[in-house]
N, C-alpha and C. Protein backbone atom coordinates (compact mmCIF):
# COMPACT_ATOMS: atom_id res chain seq x y z
N ASP A 1 -14.77 -58.01 8.26
CA ASP A 1 -15.53 -57.86 9.48
C ASP A 1 -15.80 -59.24 10.08
N SER A 2 -16.38 -59.28 11.29
CA SER A 2 -16.49 -60.53 12.03
C SER A 2 -17.49 -61.51 11.44
N LYS A 3 -18.45 -61.06 10.65
CA LYS A 3 -19.46 -61.95 10.07
C LYS A 3 -19.02 -62.53 8.74
N GLY A 4 -17.85 -62.17 8.28
CA GLY A 4 -17.33 -62.76 7.04
C GLY A 4 -17.88 -62.13 5.79
N ALA A 5 -18.63 -61.03 5.90
CA ALA A 5 -19.16 -60.37 4.71
C ALA A 5 -18.02 -59.71 3.96
N ALA A 6 -18.12 -59.71 2.66
CA ALA A 6 -17.07 -59.10 1.85
C ALA A 6 -17.09 -57.59 2.03
N ARG A 7 -15.92 -57.01 2.09
CA ARG A 7 -15.81 -55.56 2.20
C ARG A 7 -16.01 -54.96 0.81
N PRO A 8 -16.62 -53.77 0.76
CA PRO A 8 -16.79 -53.13 -0.54
C PRO A 8 -15.44 -52.76 -1.14
N ALA A 9 -15.38 -52.78 -2.46
CA ALA A 9 -14.16 -52.39 -3.16
C ALA A 9 -13.86 -50.93 -2.88
N ARG A 10 -12.60 -50.58 -2.97
CA ARG A 10 -12.19 -49.19 -2.75
C ARG A 10 -12.93 -48.28 -3.73
N GLY A 11 -13.48 -47.16 -3.22
CA GLY A 11 -14.21 -46.21 -4.05
C GLY A 11 -15.68 -46.55 -4.19
N VAL A 12 -16.14 -47.66 -3.59
CA VAL A 12 -17.55 -48.06 -3.64
C VAL A 12 -18.11 -47.93 -2.23
N SER A 13 -19.24 -47.25 -2.09
CA SER A 13 -19.81 -47.06 -0.76
C SER A 13 -20.43 -48.37 -0.26
N ARG A 14 -20.63 -48.43 1.04
CA ARG A 14 -21.25 -49.63 1.63
C ARG A 14 -22.66 -49.83 1.10
N SER A 15 -23.41 -48.74 0.91
CA SER A 15 -24.79 -48.88 0.42
C SER A 15 -24.79 -49.40 -1.02
N GLN A 16 -23.81 -48.96 -1.84
CA GLN A 16 -23.74 -49.48 -3.21
C GLN A 16 -23.39 -50.96 -3.20
N SER A 17 -22.46 -51.35 -2.33
CA SER A 17 -22.07 -52.75 -2.23
C SER A 17 -23.25 -53.60 -1.75
N HIS A 18 -24.01 -53.07 -0.77
CA HIS A 18 -25.18 -53.79 -0.25
C HIS A 18 -26.23 -53.94 -1.36
N ALA A 19 -26.44 -52.87 -2.13
CA ALA A 19 -27.43 -52.93 -3.22
C ALA A 19 -27.03 -53.97 -4.25
N ALA A 20 -25.74 -54.08 -4.52
CA ALA A 20 -25.27 -55.07 -5.50
C ALA A 20 -25.51 -56.49 -4.99
N ARG A 21 -25.29 -56.73 -3.68
CA ARG A 21 -25.53 -58.06 -3.12
C ARG A 21 -27.01 -58.41 -3.12
N GLN A 22 -27.88 -57.42 -3.04
CA GLN A 22 -29.32 -57.65 -3.03
C GLN A 22 -29.90 -57.74 -4.43
N GLY A 23 -29.07 -57.53 -5.47
CA GLY A 23 -29.55 -57.62 -6.85
C GLY A 23 -30.22 -56.35 -7.33
N ARG A 24 -30.07 -55.26 -6.58
CA ARG A 24 -30.65 -53.98 -6.99
C ARG A 24 -29.58 -53.12 -7.64
N PRO A 25 -29.99 -52.22 -8.54
CA PRO A 25 -28.99 -51.31 -9.11
C PRO A 25 -28.56 -50.31 -8.02
N PRO A 26 -27.29 -49.94 -7.98
CA PRO A 26 -26.83 -49.00 -6.97
C PRO A 26 -27.41 -47.61 -7.19
N ALA A 27 -27.57 -46.88 -6.09
CA ALA A 27 -28.05 -45.50 -6.19
C ALA A 27 -26.96 -44.65 -6.83
N PRO A 28 -27.36 -43.67 -7.64
CA PRO A 28 -26.34 -42.82 -8.28
C PRO A 28 -25.64 -41.97 -7.22
N LEU A 29 -24.35 -41.70 -7.49
CA LEU A 29 -23.60 -40.82 -6.60
C LEU A 29 -24.05 -39.39 -6.80
N PRO A 30 -24.00 -38.57 -5.75
CA PRO A 30 -24.40 -37.17 -5.91
C PRO A 30 -23.44 -36.43 -6.83
N ALA A 31 -23.98 -35.48 -7.60
CA ALA A 31 -23.16 -34.69 -8.51
C ALA A 31 -22.32 -33.72 -7.69
N THR A 32 -21.04 -33.62 -8.01
CA THR A 32 -20.15 -32.74 -7.26
C THR A 32 -19.44 -31.74 -8.14
N GLY A 33 -19.62 -31.78 -9.43
CA GLY A 33 -18.91 -30.87 -10.31
C GLY A 33 -17.54 -31.42 -10.71
N THR A 34 -17.23 -32.62 -10.27
CA THR A 34 -15.97 -33.24 -10.64
C THR A 34 -16.27 -34.66 -11.05
N GLU A 35 -15.42 -35.24 -11.84
CA GLU A 35 -15.60 -36.65 -12.19
C GLU A 35 -14.42 -37.42 -11.65
N GLY A 36 -14.69 -38.61 -11.14
CA GLY A 36 -13.64 -39.39 -10.52
C GLY A 36 -12.77 -40.08 -11.54
N THR A 37 -11.52 -40.19 -11.22
CA THR A 37 -10.57 -40.93 -12.03
C THR A 37 -9.73 -41.77 -11.10
N SER A 38 -9.09 -42.76 -11.65
CA SER A 38 -8.24 -43.62 -10.85
C SER A 38 -6.81 -43.43 -11.31
N SER A 39 -5.92 -43.19 -10.37
CA SER A 39 -4.51 -43.02 -10.71
C SER A 39 -3.89 -44.40 -10.96
N PRO A 40 -2.67 -44.44 -11.48
CA PRO A 40 -2.01 -45.74 -11.70
C PRO A 40 -1.87 -46.55 -10.42
N LEU A 41 -1.86 -45.89 -9.26
CA LEU A 41 -1.75 -46.59 -8.00
C LEU A 41 -3.10 -47.07 -7.48
N GLY A 42 -4.18 -46.79 -8.22
CA GLY A 42 -5.51 -47.20 -7.80
C GLY A 42 -6.15 -46.27 -6.79
N ILE A 43 -5.56 -45.10 -6.59
CA ILE A 43 -6.10 -44.14 -5.64
C ILE A 43 -7.16 -43.31 -6.35
N GLN A 44 -8.32 -43.17 -5.73
CA GLN A 44 -9.41 -42.41 -6.31
C GLN A 44 -9.10 -40.92 -6.20
N THR A 45 -9.12 -40.22 -7.32
CA THR A 45 -8.89 -38.79 -7.35
C THR A 45 -10.04 -38.12 -8.07
N THR A 46 -10.08 -36.81 -8.03
CA THR A 46 -11.12 -36.09 -8.75
C THR A 46 -10.46 -35.15 -9.76
N ARG A 47 -11.15 -34.95 -10.85
CA ARG A 47 -10.68 -34.04 -11.88
C ARG A 47 -11.74 -32.95 -12.04
N PRO A 48 -11.35 -31.69 -12.00
CA PRO A 48 -12.33 -30.61 -12.12
C PRO A 48 -13.09 -30.68 -13.43
N ASP A 49 -14.34 -30.34 -13.36
CA ASP A 49 -15.19 -30.27 -14.53
C ASP A 49 -14.66 -29.17 -15.45
N ARG A 50 -14.66 -29.44 -16.74
CA ARG A 50 -14.13 -28.48 -17.71
C ARG A 50 -14.87 -27.13 -17.64
N HIS A 51 -16.18 -27.16 -17.43
CA HIS A 51 -16.95 -25.92 -17.35
C HIS A 51 -16.53 -25.09 -16.14
N ILE A 52 -16.28 -25.75 -15.03
CA ILE A 52 -15.85 -25.04 -13.83
C ILE A 52 -14.48 -24.42 -14.07
N MET A 53 -13.57 -25.17 -14.66
CA MET A 53 -12.23 -24.63 -14.92
C MET A 53 -12.29 -23.44 -15.88
N LEU A 54 -13.12 -23.53 -16.89
CA LEU A 54 -13.28 -22.39 -17.80
C LEU A 54 -13.86 -21.20 -17.07
N GLY A 55 -14.79 -21.45 -16.16
CA GLY A 55 -15.37 -20.38 -15.37
C GLY A 55 -14.34 -19.71 -14.48
N VAL A 56 -13.47 -20.49 -13.87
CA VAL A 56 -12.43 -19.94 -12.99
C VAL A 56 -11.43 -19.14 -13.81
N LEU A 57 -11.05 -19.64 -14.97
CA LEU A 57 -10.15 -18.88 -15.84
C LEU A 57 -10.81 -17.60 -16.32
N PHE A 58 -12.12 -17.67 -16.57
CA PHE A 58 -12.87 -16.47 -16.94
C PHE A 58 -12.82 -15.45 -15.80
N ALA A 59 -12.97 -15.90 -14.55
CA ALA A 59 -12.90 -15.00 -13.39
C ALA A 59 -11.53 -14.32 -13.32
N ALA A 60 -10.47 -15.08 -13.58
CA ALA A 60 -9.12 -14.49 -13.57
C ALA A 60 -8.97 -13.48 -14.70
N LEU A 61 -9.53 -13.79 -15.87
CA LEU A 61 -9.49 -12.85 -16.99
C LEU A 61 -10.27 -11.58 -16.68
N VAL A 62 -11.41 -11.74 -16.03
CA VAL A 62 -12.20 -10.57 -15.60
C VAL A 62 -11.38 -9.71 -14.64
N ALA A 63 -10.67 -10.36 -13.71
CA ALA A 63 -9.84 -9.63 -12.74
C ALA A 63 -8.78 -8.81 -13.47
N LEU A 64 -8.21 -9.36 -14.54
CA LEU A 64 -7.21 -8.62 -15.32
C LEU A 64 -7.84 -7.49 -16.13
N THR A 65 -8.99 -7.77 -16.72
CA THR A 65 -9.65 -6.80 -17.59
C THR A 65 -10.15 -5.59 -16.82
N VAL A 66 -10.69 -5.82 -15.64
CA VAL A 66 -11.25 -4.72 -14.84
C VAL A 66 -10.19 -3.66 -14.55
N TYR A 67 -8.94 -4.09 -14.39
CA TYR A 67 -7.88 -3.15 -14.04
C TYR A 67 -6.99 -2.79 -15.22
N ALA A 68 -7.44 -3.08 -16.43
CA ALA A 68 -6.65 -2.77 -17.63
C ALA A 68 -6.42 -1.27 -17.78
N ASN A 69 -7.38 -0.45 -17.36
CA ASN A 69 -7.22 0.99 -17.53
C ASN A 69 -6.23 1.59 -16.52
N ALA A 70 -5.85 0.84 -15.49
CA ALA A 70 -4.89 1.34 -14.50
C ALA A 70 -3.45 1.25 -15.00
N ARG A 71 -3.22 0.59 -16.10
CA ARG A 71 -1.85 0.36 -16.56
C ARG A 71 -1.11 1.64 -16.95
N ARG A 72 -1.84 2.71 -17.15
CA ARG A 72 -1.20 3.97 -17.53
C ARG A 72 -0.95 4.88 -16.34
N GLY A 73 -1.36 4.48 -15.15
CA GLY A 73 -1.18 5.33 -13.97
C GLY A 73 0.29 5.55 -13.65
N ASP A 74 0.58 6.70 -13.10
CA ASP A 74 1.95 7.05 -12.76
C ASP A 74 2.22 6.75 -11.29
N PHE A 75 3.45 6.93 -10.85
CA PHE A 75 3.75 6.82 -9.43
C PHE A 75 3.07 7.98 -8.73
N VAL A 76 2.31 7.69 -7.68
CA VAL A 76 1.57 8.73 -6.94
C VAL A 76 1.73 8.51 -5.44
N TYR A 77 1.45 9.57 -4.68
CA TYR A 77 1.41 9.53 -3.22
C TYR A 77 2.60 8.77 -2.63
N ASP A 78 2.34 7.70 -1.89
CA ASP A 78 3.41 6.96 -1.22
C ASP A 78 4.36 6.28 -2.19
N ASP A 79 3.95 6.09 -3.44
CA ASP A 79 4.85 5.51 -4.45
C ASP A 79 6.12 6.35 -4.56
N MET A 80 5.94 7.66 -4.50
CA MET A 80 7.08 8.55 -4.65
C MET A 80 8.11 8.34 -3.55
N LYS A 81 7.64 8.02 -2.35
CA LYS A 81 8.56 7.82 -1.23
C LYS A 81 8.98 6.36 -1.11
N GLN A 82 8.02 5.44 -1.15
CA GLN A 82 8.33 4.03 -0.90
C GLN A 82 8.97 3.32 -2.09
N ILE A 83 8.86 3.89 -3.28
CA ILE A 83 9.45 3.25 -4.46
C ILE A 83 10.50 4.15 -5.09
N VAL A 84 10.08 5.31 -5.59
CA VAL A 84 10.97 6.19 -6.34
C VAL A 84 12.12 6.71 -5.48
N GLY A 85 11.83 7.11 -4.24
CA GLY A 85 12.87 7.67 -3.38
C GLY A 85 13.43 6.71 -2.35
N ASN A 86 13.21 5.43 -2.52
CA ASN A 86 13.61 4.44 -1.51
C ASN A 86 14.85 3.69 -1.96
N GLU A 87 16.02 4.12 -1.48
CA GLU A 87 17.25 3.44 -1.89
C GLU A 87 17.36 2.05 -1.27
N LEU A 88 16.60 1.75 -0.23
CA LEU A 88 16.66 0.43 0.40
C LEU A 88 16.17 -0.67 -0.54
N ILE A 89 15.21 -0.36 -1.40
CA ILE A 89 14.73 -1.37 -2.36
C ILE A 89 15.52 -1.31 -3.66
N GLN A 90 16.22 -0.20 -3.90
CA GLN A 90 16.92 -0.02 -5.17
C GLN A 90 18.35 -0.52 -5.15
N ASP A 91 18.97 -0.56 -3.99
CA ASP A 91 20.37 -0.97 -3.88
C ASP A 91 20.45 -2.29 -3.13
N ALA A 92 20.99 -3.30 -3.76
CA ALA A 92 21.05 -4.65 -3.17
C ALA A 92 21.86 -4.68 -1.87
N ARG A 93 22.75 -3.71 -1.67
CA ARG A 93 23.53 -3.67 -0.42
C ARG A 93 22.65 -3.49 0.81
N TYR A 94 21.46 -2.93 0.62
CA TYR A 94 20.57 -2.64 1.75
C TYR A 94 19.46 -3.67 1.94
N THR A 95 19.57 -4.80 1.26
CA THR A 95 18.50 -5.81 1.31
C THR A 95 18.20 -6.25 2.75
N ALA A 96 19.22 -6.60 3.50
CA ALA A 96 19.00 -7.06 4.88
C ALA A 96 18.32 -5.99 5.72
N ARG A 97 18.77 -4.76 5.60
CA ARG A 97 18.15 -3.67 6.37
C ARG A 97 16.70 -3.46 5.93
N ALA A 98 16.46 -3.51 4.63
CA ALA A 98 15.09 -3.30 4.12
C ALA A 98 14.14 -4.37 4.64
N LEU A 99 14.63 -5.62 4.73
CA LEU A 99 13.75 -6.72 5.15
C LEU A 99 13.58 -6.83 6.66
N THR A 100 14.44 -6.18 7.42
CA THR A 100 14.35 -6.30 8.88
C THR A 100 13.86 -5.03 9.55
N SER A 101 13.50 -4.03 8.78
CA SER A 101 12.97 -2.80 9.37
C SER A 101 11.61 -2.47 8.78
N ASP A 102 10.98 -1.47 9.32
CA ASP A 102 9.62 -1.13 8.86
C ASP A 102 9.67 -0.50 7.46
N VAL A 103 8.50 -0.37 6.85
CA VAL A 103 8.44 0.08 5.45
C VAL A 103 8.87 1.54 5.28
N TRP A 104 8.94 2.31 6.35
CA TRP A 104 9.36 3.70 6.27
C TRP A 104 10.81 3.89 6.71
N ALA A 105 11.56 2.82 6.89
CA ALA A 105 12.94 2.90 7.39
C ALA A 105 13.85 3.69 6.46
N PHE A 106 13.51 3.80 5.21
CA PHE A 106 14.35 4.53 4.25
C PHE A 106 14.43 6.02 4.59
N ARG A 107 13.58 6.50 5.48
CA ARG A 107 13.57 7.92 5.83
C ARG A 107 14.78 8.32 6.66
N GLY A 108 15.54 7.34 7.14
CA GLY A 108 16.75 7.64 7.90
C GLY A 108 16.74 6.92 9.24
N ASP A 109 17.86 7.02 9.93
CA ASP A 109 18.00 6.34 11.21
C ASP A 109 17.71 7.33 12.33
N LYS A 110 16.64 7.09 13.06
CA LYS A 110 16.33 7.95 14.20
C LYS A 110 16.44 7.18 15.52
N GLY A 111 17.02 5.99 15.46
CA GLY A 111 17.22 5.20 16.66
C GLY A 111 16.03 4.31 17.02
N SER A 112 14.93 4.47 16.33
CA SER A 112 13.75 3.62 16.54
C SER A 112 12.98 3.52 15.23
N SER A 113 11.98 2.69 15.22
CA SER A 113 11.18 2.50 14.01
C SER A 113 10.39 3.76 13.68
N TRP A 114 10.18 3.95 12.40
CA TRP A 114 9.34 5.07 11.95
C TRP A 114 7.87 4.71 12.06
N SER A 115 7.56 3.43 11.96
CA SER A 115 6.17 2.98 12.04
C SER A 115 6.15 1.54 12.53
N ASN A 116 4.96 1.01 12.71
CA ASN A 116 4.84 -0.40 13.10
C ASN A 116 4.51 -1.28 11.89
N TYR A 117 4.81 -0.81 10.70
CA TYR A 117 4.53 -1.55 9.47
C TYR A 117 5.74 -2.34 9.01
N TRP A 118 5.94 -3.50 9.60
CA TRP A 118 7.01 -4.40 9.14
C TRP A 118 6.38 -5.34 8.14
N ARG A 119 6.72 -5.18 6.87
CA ARG A 119 6.12 -5.94 5.78
C ARG A 119 7.20 -6.51 4.87
N PRO A 120 7.91 -7.56 5.29
CA PRO A 120 9.01 -8.08 4.45
C PRO A 120 8.56 -8.61 3.09
N VAL A 121 7.40 -9.22 3.00
CA VAL A 121 6.93 -9.72 1.70
C VAL A 121 6.63 -8.55 0.77
N PHE A 122 6.04 -7.50 1.30
CA PHE A 122 5.78 -6.28 0.52
C PHE A 122 7.10 -5.69 0.02
N ILE A 123 8.10 -5.63 0.89
CA ILE A 123 9.40 -5.08 0.50
C ILE A 123 10.04 -5.96 -0.58
N LEU A 124 9.96 -7.28 -0.43
CA LEU A 124 10.48 -8.18 -1.47
C LEU A 124 9.78 -7.94 -2.80
N TRP A 125 8.46 -7.74 -2.74
CA TRP A 125 7.69 -7.46 -3.96
C TRP A 125 8.18 -6.18 -4.62
N LEU A 126 8.40 -5.12 -3.82
CA LEU A 126 8.90 -3.86 -4.37
C LEU A 126 10.29 -4.06 -4.98
N MET A 127 11.16 -4.79 -4.28
CA MET A 127 12.51 -5.04 -4.80
C MET A 127 12.47 -5.80 -6.12
N ALA A 128 11.64 -6.84 -6.18
CA ALA A 128 11.53 -7.63 -7.41
C ALA A 128 11.01 -6.78 -8.56
N ASN A 129 9.99 -5.98 -8.29
CA ASN A 129 9.45 -5.12 -9.34
C ASN A 129 10.47 -4.08 -9.79
N TYR A 130 11.21 -3.52 -8.83
CA TYR A 130 12.24 -2.54 -9.19
C TYR A 130 13.29 -3.19 -10.08
N ARG A 131 13.73 -4.41 -9.73
CA ARG A 131 14.76 -5.10 -10.53
C ARG A 131 14.22 -5.43 -11.93
N LEU A 132 12.95 -5.80 -12.00
CA LEU A 132 12.37 -6.17 -13.29
C LEU A 132 12.02 -4.98 -14.17
N PHE A 133 11.47 -3.92 -13.56
CA PHE A 133 10.88 -2.84 -14.36
C PHE A 133 11.54 -1.48 -14.21
N GLY A 134 12.34 -1.29 -13.16
CA GLY A 134 12.97 0.01 -12.95
C GLY A 134 11.95 1.09 -12.67
N LEU A 135 12.37 2.35 -12.93
CA LEU A 135 11.48 3.48 -12.66
C LEU A 135 11.10 4.24 -13.93
N GLY A 136 11.57 3.78 -15.07
CA GLY A 136 11.31 4.49 -16.33
C GLY A 136 9.86 4.43 -16.77
N SER A 137 9.17 3.36 -16.45
CA SER A 137 7.78 3.18 -16.84
C SER A 137 7.05 2.42 -15.73
N THR A 138 5.80 2.75 -15.54
CA THR A 138 5.00 2.06 -14.52
C THR A 138 4.22 0.89 -15.09
N LEU A 139 4.29 0.67 -16.39
CA LEU A 139 3.49 -0.38 -17.03
C LEU A 139 3.75 -1.75 -16.40
N GLY A 140 5.00 -2.13 -16.26
CA GLY A 140 5.32 -3.43 -15.66
C GLY A 140 4.81 -3.55 -14.23
N TRP A 141 4.93 -2.47 -13.47
CA TRP A 141 4.44 -2.47 -12.09
C TRP A 141 2.94 -2.75 -12.05
N HIS A 142 2.21 -2.08 -12.95
CA HIS A 142 0.75 -2.27 -12.97
C HIS A 142 0.36 -3.66 -13.46
N ILE A 143 1.06 -4.17 -14.45
CA ILE A 143 0.77 -5.52 -14.94
C ILE A 143 1.03 -6.55 -13.83
N ALA A 144 2.13 -6.36 -13.10
CA ALA A 144 2.45 -7.28 -11.99
C ALA A 144 1.34 -7.26 -10.94
N ASN A 145 0.84 -6.08 -10.62
CA ASN A 145 -0.26 -5.98 -9.64
C ASN A 145 -1.51 -6.68 -10.13
N ALA A 146 -1.85 -6.49 -11.40
CA ALA A 146 -3.04 -7.12 -11.96
C ALA A 146 -2.90 -8.64 -11.98
N LEU A 147 -1.71 -9.13 -12.34
CA LEU A 147 -1.46 -10.58 -12.34
C LEU A 147 -1.54 -11.14 -10.92
N LEU A 148 -1.03 -10.39 -9.96
CA LEU A 148 -1.13 -10.82 -8.56
C LEU A 148 -2.60 -10.92 -8.14
N HIS A 149 -3.40 -9.94 -8.54
CA HIS A 149 -4.83 -9.97 -8.22
C HIS A 149 -5.51 -11.18 -8.86
N ALA A 150 -5.18 -11.46 -10.11
CA ALA A 150 -5.76 -12.63 -10.79
C ALA A 150 -5.35 -13.92 -10.08
N ALA A 151 -4.11 -13.99 -9.62
CA ALA A 151 -3.65 -15.18 -8.88
C ALA A 151 -4.42 -15.33 -7.57
N VAL A 152 -4.71 -14.21 -6.91
CA VAL A 152 -5.48 -14.27 -5.66
C VAL A 152 -6.90 -14.75 -5.94
N VAL A 153 -7.47 -14.35 -7.06
CA VAL A 153 -8.80 -14.83 -7.45
C VAL A 153 -8.78 -16.36 -7.60
N LEU A 154 -7.76 -16.89 -8.27
CA LEU A 154 -7.64 -18.34 -8.43
C LEU A 154 -7.46 -19.04 -7.08
N LEU A 155 -6.64 -18.46 -6.22
CA LEU A 155 -6.43 -19.04 -4.89
C LEU A 155 -7.71 -18.97 -4.04
N ALA A 156 -8.47 -17.89 -4.19
CA ALA A 156 -9.73 -17.77 -3.46
C ALA A 156 -10.70 -18.87 -3.87
N PHE A 157 -10.76 -19.15 -5.18
CA PHE A 157 -11.62 -20.23 -5.64
C PHE A 157 -11.19 -21.56 -5.04
N ARG A 158 -9.89 -21.82 -5.08
CA ARG A 158 -9.37 -23.08 -4.52
C ARG A 158 -9.69 -23.18 -3.03
N TRP A 159 -9.51 -22.10 -2.30
CA TRP A 159 -9.79 -22.10 -0.86
C TRP A 159 -11.27 -22.37 -0.60
N LEU A 160 -12.15 -21.72 -1.37
CA LEU A 160 -13.59 -21.93 -1.19
C LEU A 160 -13.96 -23.39 -1.45
N ARG A 161 -13.37 -24.00 -2.47
CA ARG A 161 -13.65 -25.40 -2.76
C ARG A 161 -13.15 -26.31 -1.63
N LEU A 162 -11.96 -25.99 -1.10
CA LEU A 162 -11.43 -26.77 0.02
C LEU A 162 -12.30 -26.64 1.27
N MET A 163 -12.97 -25.50 1.39
CA MET A 163 -13.85 -25.27 2.54
C MET A 163 -15.23 -25.90 2.32
N GLY A 164 -15.45 -26.50 1.16
CA GLY A 164 -16.69 -27.23 0.92
C GLY A 164 -17.74 -26.52 0.08
N SER A 165 -17.42 -25.36 -0.47
CA SER A 165 -18.38 -24.66 -1.32
C SER A 165 -18.61 -25.42 -2.62
N GLU A 166 -19.83 -25.40 -3.08
CA GLU A 166 -20.14 -25.99 -4.38
C GLU A 166 -19.41 -25.18 -5.46
N PRO A 167 -19.02 -25.80 -6.57
CA PRO A 167 -18.26 -25.10 -7.60
C PRO A 167 -18.95 -23.84 -8.12
N ALA A 168 -20.25 -23.92 -8.40
CA ALA A 168 -20.95 -22.75 -8.95
C ALA A 168 -21.01 -21.61 -7.95
N ILE A 169 -21.19 -21.93 -6.68
CA ILE A 169 -21.23 -20.89 -5.64
C ILE A 169 -19.85 -20.27 -5.48
N ALA A 170 -18.82 -21.10 -5.43
CA ALA A 170 -17.45 -20.59 -5.31
C ALA A 170 -17.10 -19.70 -6.50
N LEU A 171 -17.53 -20.10 -7.69
CA LEU A 171 -17.27 -19.29 -8.88
C LEU A 171 -17.97 -17.94 -8.79
N GLY A 172 -19.22 -17.93 -8.35
CA GLY A 172 -19.94 -16.68 -8.18
C GLY A 172 -19.26 -15.75 -7.18
N ILE A 173 -18.78 -16.33 -6.10
CA ILE A 173 -18.10 -15.53 -5.08
C ILE A 173 -16.82 -14.92 -5.63
N VAL A 174 -16.02 -15.72 -6.35
CA VAL A 174 -14.76 -15.16 -6.85
C VAL A 174 -14.98 -14.16 -7.98
N LEU A 175 -16.07 -14.28 -8.72
CA LEU A 175 -16.37 -13.26 -9.73
C LEU A 175 -16.67 -11.92 -9.05
N ILE A 176 -17.42 -11.97 -7.97
CA ILE A 176 -17.68 -10.74 -7.21
C ILE A 176 -16.37 -10.21 -6.62
N PHE A 177 -15.57 -11.10 -6.06
CA PHE A 177 -14.28 -10.72 -5.49
C PHE A 177 -13.39 -10.07 -6.55
N ALA A 178 -13.40 -10.61 -7.76
CA ALA A 178 -12.53 -10.11 -8.84
C ALA A 178 -12.83 -8.67 -9.21
N VAL A 179 -14.09 -8.28 -9.14
CA VAL A 179 -14.48 -6.94 -9.61
C VAL A 179 -14.88 -5.99 -8.49
N HIS A 180 -14.83 -6.44 -7.26
CA HIS A 180 -15.30 -5.61 -6.15
C HIS A 180 -14.45 -4.34 -6.02
N PRO A 181 -15.11 -3.19 -5.87
CA PRO A 181 -14.37 -1.92 -5.80
C PRO A 181 -13.45 -1.80 -4.59
N ALA A 182 -13.61 -2.63 -3.58
CA ALA A 182 -12.74 -2.56 -2.41
C ALA A 182 -11.29 -2.87 -2.78
N HIS A 183 -11.05 -3.49 -3.93
CA HIS A 183 -9.70 -3.87 -4.32
C HIS A 183 -8.99 -2.86 -5.21
N VAL A 184 -9.68 -1.77 -5.55
CA VAL A 184 -9.09 -0.80 -6.48
C VAL A 184 -7.75 -0.29 -5.97
N GLU A 185 -7.69 0.10 -4.71
CA GLU A 185 -6.45 0.64 -4.17
C GLU A 185 -5.33 -0.40 -4.19
N SER A 186 -5.67 -1.63 -3.82
CA SER A 186 -4.66 -2.70 -3.77
C SER A 186 -4.10 -3.04 -5.14
N VAL A 187 -4.91 -2.93 -6.17
CA VAL A 187 -4.48 -3.34 -7.51
C VAL A 187 -3.94 -2.18 -8.33
N ALA A 188 -4.61 -1.04 -8.29
CA ALA A 188 -4.23 0.08 -9.16
C ALA A 188 -3.11 0.94 -8.59
N TRP A 189 -2.95 0.94 -7.30
CA TRP A 189 -1.93 1.79 -6.68
C TRP A 189 -0.74 0.90 -6.32
N MET A 190 0.43 1.21 -6.82
CA MET A 190 1.58 0.32 -6.68
C MET A 190 2.01 0.10 -5.23
N ALA A 191 2.00 1.14 -4.41
CA ALA A 191 2.38 0.97 -3.00
C ALA A 191 1.21 0.45 -2.17
N GLY A 192 0.06 0.27 -2.77
CA GLY A 192 -1.11 -0.22 -2.05
C GLY A 192 -1.26 -1.73 -2.12
N ARG A 193 -0.41 -2.39 -2.88
CA ARG A 193 -0.56 -3.83 -3.04
C ARG A 193 -0.44 -4.48 -1.69
């Protein structure tokens, strides 16, 4: 700066630097739930607190446990049409058609869409599950849904932290999210994902 005062070292606040020049001990940094580390390049980074990480993993485990009883469910309702009777997801020759038309396109060609539900990621998910698990058992389908839900719980925690939520508050929110009954259809019903 123009007065020739020394600039604070990287990672040190101006108030801490000023306190050091005045011979006073620096004020403690506020607790954030993370501890700072320095990378080999000298860039200040943060490492999540072990308790917070265990809490987040616990939330993901809760998300899996809550839906453990759904693993025995059979194909029901739209599953019978969108999965069991859908040759567009079962035959690789129809991949392009399946991904470029609505989710009910397997019902036949009527010259227009059957619905306004164009869901290519959903169709890819059904195709992947069909290739991995087939139609002989629904166990793999249900496990995949539960794992997807647990992954969303982890992503929700990360998003809340990026939005500025304190770790404990974000953890509380994702625990509620993990077990909230609004997700039953999305997790337990294969075509509801």
